[in-house]
Amino acid sequence: MLFIVIEQILNGLVVGAYYILLALGLSLVFSLGGVVNLAHGAFYALGAYLAVTLANAAGFYGALVAAPVAVAAVGMAIEVLFLRRLYQEDAILGLLFTFGLALTAEQVIRLIWGATGLPFWIPPSLGGVLKVGDFLFSNYRLAVLGVAMAAIACTWLLLYKTSFGMVVRAGTSDPEMVRALGIRLRPVLTIIFGLGVGIAGLAGVMSAPLAGVQPAMGTEILTATFVIVVIGGLGSFWGVVLAGILTGIVKGLTVLVYPPAAEAAMYALMVLVLLVRPRGLFGERMDRLEA
């Protein structure tokens, strides 16, 4: 029984890893730009579909690198051409634009790759299971956890140990001061938007062999992503990470006890956290960027 509990906790952490990667990108974009990106799930789906296409030529590991980079490039182009025009407008316009973008992206995916799901296999090098006594766990799921931890660590280093990260954090808390120092925030926001959607694309690549690749996959996971951001607190890096871990563990253990309640458990956790901490675990008030 103990091994079953451990396995479910690890399975929950794998799901939580996807949530963390998606929520980090969503939180980054909101923190600096004040835009709630309803198209974030579409970039997750795009990463998975690009991985399927690129894997035929570059293999799984090539797709793992190239697909998120391509998603980031697409996101930066959309930010420069369309989204940045809305930063000084009413927030509802950003919501409407990203909502329309999400619907459009899903239909474009259907036109290019078809309406049915596509297979994407676990690479042979990551196949098999880890066996420790009577405990068995998929090598690929362990790899997902490793990639997620590496992505989280790299994002933290970029934001908290570099001069670029210093500008991002300053722009989040006091954009007027940053502009007074002669630093333009628009290019910074473009890079952050690309980073955020690129991380979402990475989550899409890693989830593809386990969750499948189908046009609505971005819509299905977007709600859970918002739940993680709300639990962790808007603008909080470690709040999002902790929220993803907690949610994954709660879902994993609920599947063991009563599987039909797994999704409901996630929302119950959100309600409990908000009753105690209305801004989330580590939420802070963010000033909206006026670039």
C-alpha atoms as a PDB file:
ATOM      1  CA  MET A   1       0.000   0.000   0.000  1.00  0.00           C
ATOM      2  CA  LEU A   2       2.864   2.354   0.804  1.00  0.00           C
ATOM      3  CA  PHE A   3       4.325   1.929  -2.690  1.00  0.00           C
ATOM      4  CA  ILE A   4       0.935   2.692  -4.231  1.00  0.00           C
ATOM      5  CA  VAL A   5       0.671   5.915  -2.224  1.00  0.00           C
ATOM      6  CA  ILE A   6       4.194   6.956  -3.243  1.00  0.00           C
ATOM      7  CA  GLU A   7       3.432   6.188  -6.881  1.00  0.00           C
ATOM      8  CA  GLN A   8       0.268   8.311  -6.790  1.00  0.00           C
ATOM      9  CA  ILE A   9       2.122  11.183  -5.145  1.00  0.00           C
ATOM     10  CA  LEU A  10       4.756  11.046  -7.907  1.00  0.00           C
ATOM     11  CA  ASN A  11       2.058  10.856 -10.576  1.00  0.00           C
ATOM     12  CA  GLY A  12       0.470  13.901  -8.986  1.00  0.00           C
ATOM     13  CA  LEU A  13       3.789  15.721  -9.062  1.00  0.00           C
ATOM     14  CA  VAL A  14       4.093  15.000 -12.791  1.00  0.00           C
ATOM     15  CA  VAL A  15       0.695  16.622 -13.358  1.00  0.00           C
ATOM     16  CA  GLY A  16       1.719  19.423 -11.025  1.00  0.00           C
ATOM     17  CA  ALA A  17       4.874  19.946 -13.107  1.00  0.00           C
ATOM     18  CA  TYR A  18       2.761  20.729 -16.188  1.00  0.00           C
ATOM     19  CA  TYR A  19       0.637  23.091 -14.146  1.00  0.00           C
ATOM     20  CA  ILE A  20       3.691  24.877 -12.744  1.00  0.00           C
ATOM     21  CA  LEU A  21       5.271  25.432 -16.159  1.00  0.00           C
ATOM     22  CA  LEU A  22       2.019  26.799 -17.572  1.00  0.00           C
ATOM     23  CA  ALA A  23       1.206  28.914 -14.530  1.00  0.00           C
ATOM     24  CA  LEU A  24       4.696  30.428 -14.358  1.00  0.00           C
ATOM     25  CA  GLY A  25       4.365  31.726 -17.893  1.00  0.00           C
ATOM     26  CA  LEU A  26       0.857  33.037 -17.248  1.00  0.00           C
ATOM     27  CA  SER A  27       1.937  34.743 -14.032  1.00  0.00           C
ATOM     28  CA  LEU A  28       5.014  36.336 -15.643  1.00  0.00           C
ATOM     29  CA  VAL A  29       2.970  37.911 -18.428  1.00  0.00           C
ATOM     30  CA  PHE A  30       0.363  39.217 -16.008  1.00  0.00           C
ATOM     31  CA  SER A  31       2.906  40.552 -13.516  1.00  0.00           C
ATOM     32  CA  LEU A  32       4.690  42.790 -15.991  1.00  0.00           C
ATOM     33  CA  GLY A  33       2.021  43.522 -18.589  1.00  0.00           C
ATOM     34  CA  GLY A  34      -1.188  43.319 -16.596  1.00  0.00           C
ATOM     35  CA  VAL A  35      -2.688  41.054 -19.278  1.00  0.00           C
ATOM     36  CA  VAL A  36      -4.544  37.849 -18.419  1.00  0.00           C
ATOM     37  CA  ASN A  37      -3.577  35.666 -21.372  1.00  0.00           C
ATOM     38  CA  LEU A  38      -6.576  33.451 -22.184  1.00  0.00           C
ATOM     39  CA  ALA A  39      -4.626  32.087 -25.169  1.00  0.00           C
ATOM     40  CA  HIS A  40      -1.957  30.550 -22.953  1.00  0.00           C
ATOM     41  CA  GLY A  41      -3.379  27.065 -23.413  1.00  0.00           C
ATOM     42  CA  ALA A  42      -3.202  27.505 -27.188  1.00  0.00           C
ATOM     43  CA  PHE A  43       0.582  27.934 -26.965  1.00  0.00           C
ATOM     44  CA  TYR A  44       0.710  24.753 -24.868  1.00  0.00           C
ATOM     45  CA  ALA A  45      -1.146  22.898 -27.625  1.00  0.00           C
ATOM     46  CA  LEU A  46       1.025  24.479 -30.322  1.00  0.00           C
ATOM     47  CA  GLY A  47       4.139  23.202 -28.554  1.00  0.00           C
ATOM     48  CA  ALA A  48       2.776  19.659 -28.607  1.00  0.00           C
ATOM     49  CA  TYR A  49       1.818  19.805 -32.291  1.00  0.00           C
ATOM     50  CA  LEU A  50       5.137  21.323 -33.329  1.00  0.00           C
ATOM     51  CA  ALA A  51       6.893  18.568 -31.387  1.00  0.00           C
ATOM     52  CA  VAL A  52       4.991  15.914 -33.364  1.00  0.00           C
ATOM     53  CA  THR A  53       6.041  17.551 -36.625  1.00  0.00           C
ATOM     54  CA  LEU A  54       9.638  18.307 -35.684  1.00  0.00           C
ATOM     55  CA  ALA A  55      10.264  14.896 -34.112  1.00  0.00           C
ATOM     56  CA  ASN A  56      10.055  13.304 -37.562  1.00  0.00           C
ATOM     57  CA  ALA A  57      13.110  15.264 -38.676  1.00  0.00           C
ATOM     58  CA  ALA A  58      15.015  16.087 -35.486  1.00  0.00           C
ATOM     59  CA  GLY A  59      13.952  13.317 -33.118  1.00  0.00           C
ATOM     60  CA  PHE A  60      12.363  13.755 -29.721  1.00  0.00           C
ATOM     61  CA  TYR A  61      15.254  15.637 -28.150  1.00  0.00           C
ATOM     62  CA  GLY A  62      15.536  18.005 -31.098  1.00  0.00           C
ATOM     63  CA  ALA A  63      11.808  18.685 -30.875  1.00  0.00           C
ATOM     64  CA  LEU A  64      12.106  19.205 -27.122  1.00  0.00           C
ATOM     65  CA  VAL A  65      14.418  22.156 -27.791  1.00  0.00           C
ATOM     66  CA  ALA A  66      13.083  23.467 -31.093  1.00  0.00           C
ATOM     67  CA  ALA A  67       9.341  23.400 -30.386  1.00  0.00           C
ATOM     68  CA  PRO A  68       9.412  25.710 -27.312  1.00  0.00           C
ATOM     69  CA  VAL A  69      11.753  28.098 -29.151  1.00  0.00           C
ATOM     70  CA  ALA A  70       9.365  28.203 -32.117  1.00  0.00           C
ATOM     71  CA  VAL A  71       6.403  28.787 -29.784  1.00  0.00           C
ATOM     72  CA  ALA A  72       8.301  31.621 -28.090  1.00  0.00           C
ATOM     73  CA  ALA A  73       9.036  33.212 -31.486  1.00  0.00           C
ATOM     74  CA  VAL A  74       5.355  33.023 -32.472  1.00  0.00           C
ATOM     75  CA  GLY A  75       4.342  34.515 -29.122  1.00  0.00           C
ATOM     76  CA  MET A  76       6.797  37.399 -29.409  1.00  0.00           C
ATOM     77  CA  ALA A  77       5.540  38.191 -32.927  1.00  0.00           C
ATOM     78  CA  ILE A  78       1.931  38.258 -31.691  1.00  0.00           C
ATOM     79  CA  GLU A  79       2.912  40.476 -28.755  1.00  0.00           C
ATOM     80  CA  VAL A  80       4.730  42.975 -30.988  1.00  0.00           C
ATOM     81  CA  LEU A  81       2.100  43.085 -33.729  1.00  0.00           C
ATOM     82  CA  PHE A  82      -1.090  43.009 -31.684  1.00  0.00           C
ATOM     83  CA  LEU A  83      -0.990  42.672 -27.917  1.00  0.00           C
ATOM     84  CA  ARG A  84       1.226  45.628 -27.043  1.00  0.00           C
ATOM     85  CA  ARG A  85      -1.334  47.958 -28.596  1.00  0.00           C
ATOM     86  CA  LEU A  86      -3.721  47.028 -25.779  1.00  0.00           C
ATOM     87  CA  TYR A  87      -1.546  47.664 -22.710  1.00  0.00           C
ATOM     88  CA  GLN A  88      -2.825  51.199 -22.219  1.00  0.00           C
ATOM     89  CA  GLU A  89      -6.409  50.279 -23.018  1.00  0.00           C
ATOM     90  CA  ASP A  90      -9.141  48.831 -20.827  1.00  0.00           C
ATOM     91  CA  ALA A  91      -8.154  45.412 -19.464  1.00  0.00           C
ATOM     92  CA  ILE A  92     -11.267  43.857 -21.012  1.00  0.00           C
ATOM     93  CA  LEU A  93      -9.781  44.431 -24.479  1.00  0.00           C
ATOM     94  CA  GLY A  94      -6.800  42.248 -23.625  1.00  0.00           C
ATOM     95  CA  LEU A  95      -9.135  39.541 -22.366  1.00  0.00           C
ATOM     96  CA  LEU A  96     -11.245  39.711 -25.513  1.00  0.00           C
ATOM     97  CA  PHE A  97      -8.205  39.637 -27.794  1.00  0.00           C
ATOM     98  CA  THR A  98      -6.570  36.652 -26.096  1.00  0.00           C
ATOM     99  CA  PHE A  99      -9.926  34.845 -25.949  1.00  0.00           C
ATOM    100  CA  GLY A 100     -10.362  35.357 -29.690  1.00  0.00           C
ATOM    101  CA  LEU A 101      -6.754  34.316 -30.246  1.00  0.00           C
ATOM    102  CA  ALA A 102      -7.348  31.078 -28.349  1.00  0.00           C
ATOM    103  CA  LEU A 103     -10.387  30.216 -30.476  1.00  0.00           C
ATOM    104  CA  THR A 104      -8.562  31.112 -33.679  1.00  0.00           C
ATOM    105  CA  ALA A 105      -5.472  29.117 -32.728  1.00  0.00           C
ATOM    106  CA  GLU A 106      -7.530  25.998 -32.039  1.00  0.00           C
ATOM    107  CA  GLN A 107      -9.192  26.227 -35.447  1.00  0.00           C
ATOM    108  CA  VAL A 108      -5.847  26.838 -37.179  1.00  0.00           C
ATOM    109  CA  ILE A 109      -4.501  23.705 -35.492  1.00  0.00           C
ATOM    110  CA  ARG A 110      -7.507  21.765 -36.809  1.00  0.00           C
ATOM    111  CA  LEU A 111      -6.901  23.085 -40.334  1.00  0.00           C
ATOM    112  CA  ILE A 112      -3.185  22.235 -40.346  1.00  0.00           C
ATOM    113  CA  TRP A 113      -3.040  18.980 -38.385  1.00  0.00           C
ATOM    114  CA  GLY A 114      -6.633  17.754 -38.569  1.00  0.00           C
ATOM    115  CA  ALA A 115      -9.433  17.423 -36.034  1.00  0.00           C
ATOM    116  CA  THR A 116      -8.418  13.996 -34.731  1.00  0.00           C
ATOM    117  CA  GLY A 117      -5.701  13.346 -32.204  1.00  0.00           C
ATOM    118  CA  LEU A 118      -2.137  12.494 -33.221  1.00  0.00           C
ATOM    119  CA  PRO A 119       0.100   9.826 -31.674  1.00  0.00           C
ATOM    120  CA  PHE A 120       3.377  10.850 -30.081  1.00  0.00           C
ATOM    121  CA  TRP A 121       5.459   8.078 -28.622  1.00  0.00           C
ATOM    122  CA  ILE A 122       7.834   8.067 -25.681  1.00  0.00           C
ATOM    123  CA  PRO A 123      11.396   7.881 -27.051  1.00  0.00           C
ATOM    124  CA  PRO A 124      13.056   4.471 -26.568  1.00  0.00           C
ATOM    125  CA  SER A 125      15.813   6.000 -24.446  1.00  0.00           C
ATOM    126  CA  LEU A 126      13.206   7.081 -21.877  1.00  0.00           C
ATOM    127  CA  GLY A 127      11.089   3.945 -22.044  1.00  0.00           C
ATOM    128  CA  GLY A 128      10.897   1.329 -19.353  1.00  0.00           C
ATOM    129  CA  VAL A 129      10.486   1.740 -15.634  1.00  0.00           C
ATOM    130  CA  LEU A 130      12.560   2.425 -12.559  1.00  0.00           C
ATOM    131  CA  LYS A 131      12.391  -0.551 -10.212  1.00  0.00           C
ATOM    132  CA  VAL A 132      13.342  -0.259  -6.549  1.00  0.00           C
ATOM    133  CA  GLY A 133      12.264  -3.412  -4.767  1.00  0.00           C
ATOM    134  CA  ASP A 134       8.530  -3.690  -5.374  1.00  0.00           C
ATOM    135  CA  PHE A 135       8.264  -0.060  -6.431  1.00  0.00           C
ATOM    136  CA  LEU A 136       7.896   0.664 -10.170  1.00  0.00           C
ATOM    137  CA  PHE A 137       7.748   4.064 -11.833  1.00  0.00           C
ATOM    138  CA  SER A 138       7.970   5.202 -15.443  1.00  0.00           C
ATOM    139  CA  ASN A 139      11.357   6.549 -16.549  1.00  0.00           C
ATOM    140  CA  TYR A 140       9.610   9.087 -18.771  1.00  0.00           C
ATOM    141  CA  ARG A 141       7.611  10.498 -15.876  1.00  0.00           C
ATOM    142  CA  LEU A 142      10.845  10.899 -13.919  1.00  0.00           C
ATOM    143  CA  ALA A 143      12.307  12.717 -16.930  1.00  0.00           C
ATOM    144  CA  VAL A 144       9.296  15.059 -16.954  1.00  0.00           C
ATOM    145  CA  LEU A 145       9.962  15.925 -13.323  1.00  0.00           C
ATOM    146  CA  GLY A 146      13.641  16.513 -14.103  1.00  0.00           C
ATOM    147  CA  VAL A 147      12.923  18.800 -17.072  1.00  0.00           C
ATOM    148  CA  ALA A 148      10.344  20.745 -15.065  1.00  0.00           C
ATOM    149  CA  MET A 149      12.785  21.246 -12.186  1.00  0.00           C
ATOM    150  CA  ALA A 150      15.473  22.420 -14.617  1.00  0.00           C
ATOM    151  CA  ALA A 151      13.061  24.864 -16.290  1.00  0.00           C
ATOM    152  CA  ILE A 152      11.949  26.257 -12.928  1.00  0.00           C
ATOM    153  CA  ALA A 153      15.558  26.654 -11.786  1.00  0.00           C
ATOM    154  CA  CYS A 154      16.607  28.391 -15.016  1.00  0.00           C
ATOM    155  CA  THR A 155      13.641  30.757 -14.848  1.00  0.00           C
ATOM    156  CA  TRP A 156      14.428  31.624 -11.238  1.00  0.00           C
ATOM    157  CA  LEU A 157      18.100  32.268 -12.078  1.00  0.00           C
ATOM    158  CA  LEU A 158      17.081  34.522 -14.975  1.00  0.00           C
ATOM    159  CA  LEU A 159      14.667  36.543 -12.851  1.00  0.00           C
ATOM    160  CA  TYR A 160      16.654  36.779  -9.613  1.00  0.00           C
ATOM    161  CA  LYS A 161      20.325  36.471 -10.556  1.00  0.00           C
ATOM    162  CA  THR A 162      20.691  38.561 -13.719  1.00  0.00           C
ATOM    163  CA  SER A 163      20.476  42.255 -14.578  1.00  0.00           C
ATOM    164  CA  PHE A 164      17.611  41.474 -16.959  1.00  0.00           C
ATOM    165  CA  GLY A 165      15.690  39.894 -14.113  1.00  0.00           C
ATOM    166  CA  MET A 166      16.356  42.954 -11.985  1.00  0.00           C
ATOM    167  CA  VAL A 167      14.729  45.130 -14.662  1.00  0.00           C
ATOM    168  CA  VAL A 168      11.760  42.753 -14.861  1.00  0.00           C
ATOM    169  CA  ARG A 169      11.207  42.801 -11.110  1.00  0.00           C
ATOM    170  CA  ALA A 170      11.627  46.569 -10.936  1.00  0.00           C
ATOM    171  CA  GLY A 171       9.217  46.998 -13.837  1.00  0.00           C
ATOM    172  CA  THR A 172       6.705  44.832 -12.037  1.00  0.00           C
ATOM    173  CA  SER A 173       6.782  46.834  -8.814  1.00  0.00           C
ATOM    174  CA  ASP A 174       7.478  50.377 -10.065  1.00  0.00           C
ATOM    175  CA  PRO A 175       7.375  50.852 -13.858  1.00  0.00           C
ATOM    176  CA  GLU A 176       7.482  54.658 -13.545  1.00  0.00           C
ATOM    177  CA  MET A 177      10.842  54.506 -11.788  1.00  0.00           C
ATOM    178  CA  VAL A 178      12.246  52.176 -14.434  1.00  0.00           C
ATOM    179  CA  ARG A 179      11.170  54.495 -17.240  1.00  0.00           C
ATOM    180  CA  ALA A 180      12.634  57.467 -15.350  1.00  0.00           C
ATOM    181  CA  LEU A 181      15.989  55.668 -15.460  1.00  0.00           C
ATOM    182  CA  GLY A 182      15.755  55.538 -19.251  1.00  0.00           C
ATOM    183  CA  ILE A 183      14.925  51.833 -19.515  1.00  0.00           C
ATOM    184  CA  ARG A 184      12.246  50.892 -22.046  1.00  0.00           C
ATOM    185  CA  LEU A 185       9.909  48.216 -20.755  1.00  0.00           C
ATOM    186  CA  ARG A 186       8.262  47.248 -24.017  1.00  0.00           C
ATOM    187  CA  PRO A 187      11.199  45.168 -25.303  1.00  0.00           C
ATOM    188  CA  VAL A 188      11.468  43.580 -21.854  1.00  0.00           C
ATOM    189  CA  LEU A 189       7.797  42.666 -21.944  1.00  0.00           C
ATOM    190  CA  THR A 190       8.205  41.156 -25.415  1.00  0.00           C
ATOM    191  CA  ILE A 191      10.968  38.896 -24.110  1.00  0.00           C
ATOM    192  CA  ILE A 192       8.933  37.971 -21.025  1.00  0.00           C
ATOM    193  CA  PHE A 193       5.914  37.134 -23.180  1.00  0.00           C
ATOM    194  CA  GLY A 194       8.102  34.932 -25.362  1.00  0.00           C
ATOM    195  CA  LEU A 195       9.586  33.269 -22.292  1.00  0.00           C
ATOM    196  CA  GLY A 196       6.153  32.678 -20.776  1.00  0.00           C
ATOM    197  CA  VAL A 197       4.625  31.064 -23.848  1.00  0.00           C
ATOM    198  CA  GLY A 198       7.857  29.183 -24.566  1.00  0.00           C
ATOM    199  CA  ILE A 199       7.614  27.531 -21.149  1.00  0.00           C
ATOM    200  CA  ALA A 200       4.007  26.648 -21.976  1.00  0.00           C
ATOM    201  CA  GLY A 201       5.220  25.107 -25.224  1.00  0.00           C
ATOM    202  CA  LEU A 202       7.770  23.061 -23.285  1.00  0.00           C
ATOM    203  CA  ALA A 203       4.976  21.737 -21.067  1.00  0.00           C
ATOM    204  CA  GLY A 204       3.052  20.791 -24.208  1.00  0.00           C
ATOM    205  CA  VAL A 205       5.997  18.824 -25.584  1.00  0.00           C
ATOM    206  CA  MET A 206       6.536  16.909 -22.358  1.00  0.00           C
ATOM    207  CA  SER A 207       2.845  16.133 -21.870  1.00  0.00           C
ATOM    208  CA  ALA A 208       2.267  14.947 -25.443  1.00  0.00           C
ATOM    209  CA  PRO A 209       3.318  11.289 -24.982  1.00  0.00           C
ATOM    210  CA  LEU A 210       1.252  10.955 -21.790  1.00  0.00           C
ATOM    211  CA  ALA A 211      -1.854  13.086 -22.344  1.00  0.00           C
ATOM    212  CA  GLY A 212      -2.104  12.787 -26.122  1.00  0.00           C
ATOM    213  CA  VAL A 213      -2.105  15.478 -28.793  1.00  0.00           C
ATOM    214  CA  GLN A 214      -5.492  16.876 -29.831  1.00  0.00           C
ATOM    215  CA  PRO A 215      -6.802  20.348 -30.760  1.00  0.00           C
ATOM    216  CA  ALA A 216      -8.695  21.056 -27.519  1.00  0.00           C
ATOM    217  CA  MET A 217      -5.843  20.099 -25.189  1.00  0.00           C
ATOM    218  CA  GLY A 218      -4.992  23.743 -24.496  1.00  0.00           C
ATOM    219  CA  THR A 219      -8.544  24.648 -23.553  1.00  0.00           C
ATOM    220  CA  GLU A 220      -8.817  21.669 -21.226  1.00  0.00           C
ATOM    221  CA  ILE A 221      -5.735  22.544 -19.186  1.00  0.00           C
ATOM    222  CA  LEU A 222      -6.204  26.330 -19.107  1.00  0.00           C
ATOM    223  CA  THR A 223      -8.738  26.247 -16.265  1.00  0.00           C
ATOM    224  CA  ALA A 224      -6.363  24.237 -14.088  1.00  0.00           C
ATOM    225  CA  THR A 225      -3.599  26.721 -14.891  1.00  0.00           C
ATOM    226  CA  PHE A 226      -5.692  29.628 -13.617  1.00  0.00           C
ATOM    227  CA  VAL A 227      -6.469  27.642 -10.476  1.00  0.00           C
ATOM    228  CA  ILE A 228      -2.726  27.260  -9.804  1.00  0.00           C
ATOM    229  CA  VAL A 229      -2.112  30.985 -10.327  1.00  0.00           C
ATOM    230  CA  VAL A 230      -4.985  31.890  -8.005  1.00  0.00           C
ATOM    231  CA  ILE A 231      -3.824  29.478  -5.297  1.00  0.00           C
ATOM    232  CA  GLY A 232      -0.211  30.621  -5.513  1.00  0.00           C
ATOM    233  CA  GLY A 233      -1.002  34.311  -5.843  1.00  0.00           C
ATOM    234  CA  LEU A 234      -0.689  36.545  -8.887  1.00  0.00           C
ATOM    235  CA  GLY A 235       2.889  37.607  -9.449  1.00  0.00           C
ATOM    236  CA  SER A 236       4.420  35.162  -6.981  1.00  0.00           C
ATOM    237  CA  PHE A 237       7.096  32.835  -8.395  1.00  0.00           C
ATOM    238  CA  TRP A 238       7.351  30.441  -5.467  1.00  0.00           C
ATOM    239  CA  GLY A 239       3.636  30.714  -4.787  1.00  0.00           C
ATOM    240  CA  VAL A 240       2.956  29.212  -8.216  1.00  0.00           C
ATOM    241  CA  VAL A 241       5.531  26.465  -7.657  1.00  0.00           C
ATOM    242  CA  LEU A 242       4.094  25.552  -4.256  1.00  0.00           C
ATOM    243  CA  ALA A 243       0.537  25.680  -5.592  1.00  0.00           C
ATOM    244  CA  GLY A 244       1.436  23.301  -8.422  1.00  0.00           C
ATOM    245  CA  ILE A 245       3.055  20.850  -6.021  1.00  0.00           C
ATOM    246  CA  LEU A 246       0.125  20.943  -3.591  1.00  0.00           C
ATOM    247  CA  THR A 247      -2.460  20.595  -6.333  1.00  0.00           C
ATOM    248  CA  GLY A 248      -0.628  17.699  -7.946  1.00  0.00           C
ATOM    249  CA  ILE A 249      -0.329  15.820  -4.654  1.00  0.00           C
ATOM    250  CA  VAL A 250      -3.979  16.457  -3.762  1.00  0.00           C
ATOM    251  CA  LYS A 251      -5.127  15.209  -7.173  1.00  0.00           C
ATOM    252  CA  GLY A 252      -2.856  12.171  -7.012  1.00  0.00           C
ATOM    253  CA  LEU A 253      -4.071  11.113  -3.581  1.00  0.00           C
ATOM    254  CA  THR A 254      -7.699  11.786  -4.489  1.00  0.00           C
ATOM    255  CA  VAL A 255      -7.364   9.485  -7.504  1.00  0.00           C
ATOM    256  CA  LEU A 256      -6.223   6.773  -5.106  1.00  0.00           C
ATOM    257  CA  VAL A 257      -9.156   7.283  -2.722  1.00  0.00           C
ATOM    258  CA  TYR A 258     -12.006   8.326  -5.040  1.00  0.00           C
ATOM    259  CA  PRO A 259     -11.032   8.966  -8.714  1.00  0.00           C
ATOM    260  CA  PRO A 260     -14.220  10.821  -9.799  1.00  0.00           C
ATOM    261  CA  ALA A 261     -13.450  13.566  -7.266  1.00  0.00           C
ATOM    262  CA  ALA A 262      -9.913  14.296  -8.544  1.00  0.00           C
ATOM    263  CA  GLU A 263     -10.862  17.450 -10.452  1.00  0.00           C
ATOM    264  CA  ALA A 264     -13.187  18.649  -7.699  1.00  0.00           C
ATOM    265  CA  ALA A 265     -10.369  18.277  -5.158  1.00  0.00           C
ATOM    266  CA  MET A 266      -8.332  20.868  -7.038  1.00  0.00           C
ATOM    267  CA  TYR A 267     -11.131  23.423  -6.831  1.00  0.00           C
ATOM    268  CA  ALA A 268     -11.806  22.574  -3.190  1.00  0.00           C
ATOM    269  CA  LEU A 269      -8.148  23.311  -2.439  1.00  0.00           C
ATOM    270  CA  MET A 270      -8.482  26.683  -4.174  1.00  0.00           C
ATOM    271  CA  VAL A 271     -11.546  27.572  -2.109  1.00  0.00           C
ATOM    272  CA  LEU A 272      -9.818  26.613   1.145  1.00  0.00           C
ATOM    273  CA  VAL A 273      -6.745  28.685   0.323  1.00  0.00           C
ATOM    274  CA  LEU A 274      -8.809  31.727  -0.680  1.00  0.00           C
ATOM    275  CA  LEU A 275     -10.817  31.551   2.539  1.00  0.00           C
ATOM    276  CA  VAL A 276      -7.593  31.922   4.490  1.00  0.00           C
ATOM    277  CA  ARG A 277      -5.533  33.953   2.006  1.00  0.00           C
ATOM    278  CA  PRO A 278      -7.757  35.894  -0.445  1.00  0.00           C
ATOM    279  CA  ARG A 279      -4.707  36.894  -2.520  1.00  0.00           C
ATOM    280  CA  GLY A 280      -3.376  33.364  -2.662  1.00  0.00           C
ATOM    281  CA  LEU A 281      -0.457  31.811  -0.782  1.00  0.00           C
ATOM    282  CA  PHE A 282       2.097  34.521  -1.650  1.00  0.00           C
ATOM    283  CA  GLY A 283       0.080  36.973  -3.722  1.00  0.00           C
ATOM    284  CA  GLU A 284       1.112  40.595  -3.969  1.00  0.00           C
ATOM    285  CA  ARG A 285      -0.619  43.622  -5.434  1.00  0.00           C
ATOM    286  CA  MET A 286       0.733  44.416  -8.878  1.00  0.00           C
ATOM    287  CA  ASP A 287       0.778  47.755 -10.628  1.00  0.00           C
ATOM    288  CA  ARG A 288      -0.415  47.630 -14.186  1.00  0.00           C
ATOM    289  CA  LEU A 289       2.212  48.470 -16.801  1.00  0.00           C
ATOM    290  CA  GLU A 290       1.632  51.627 -18.791  1.00  0.00           C
ATOM    291  CA  ALA A 291       4.263  51.291 -21.463  1.00  0.00           C
END
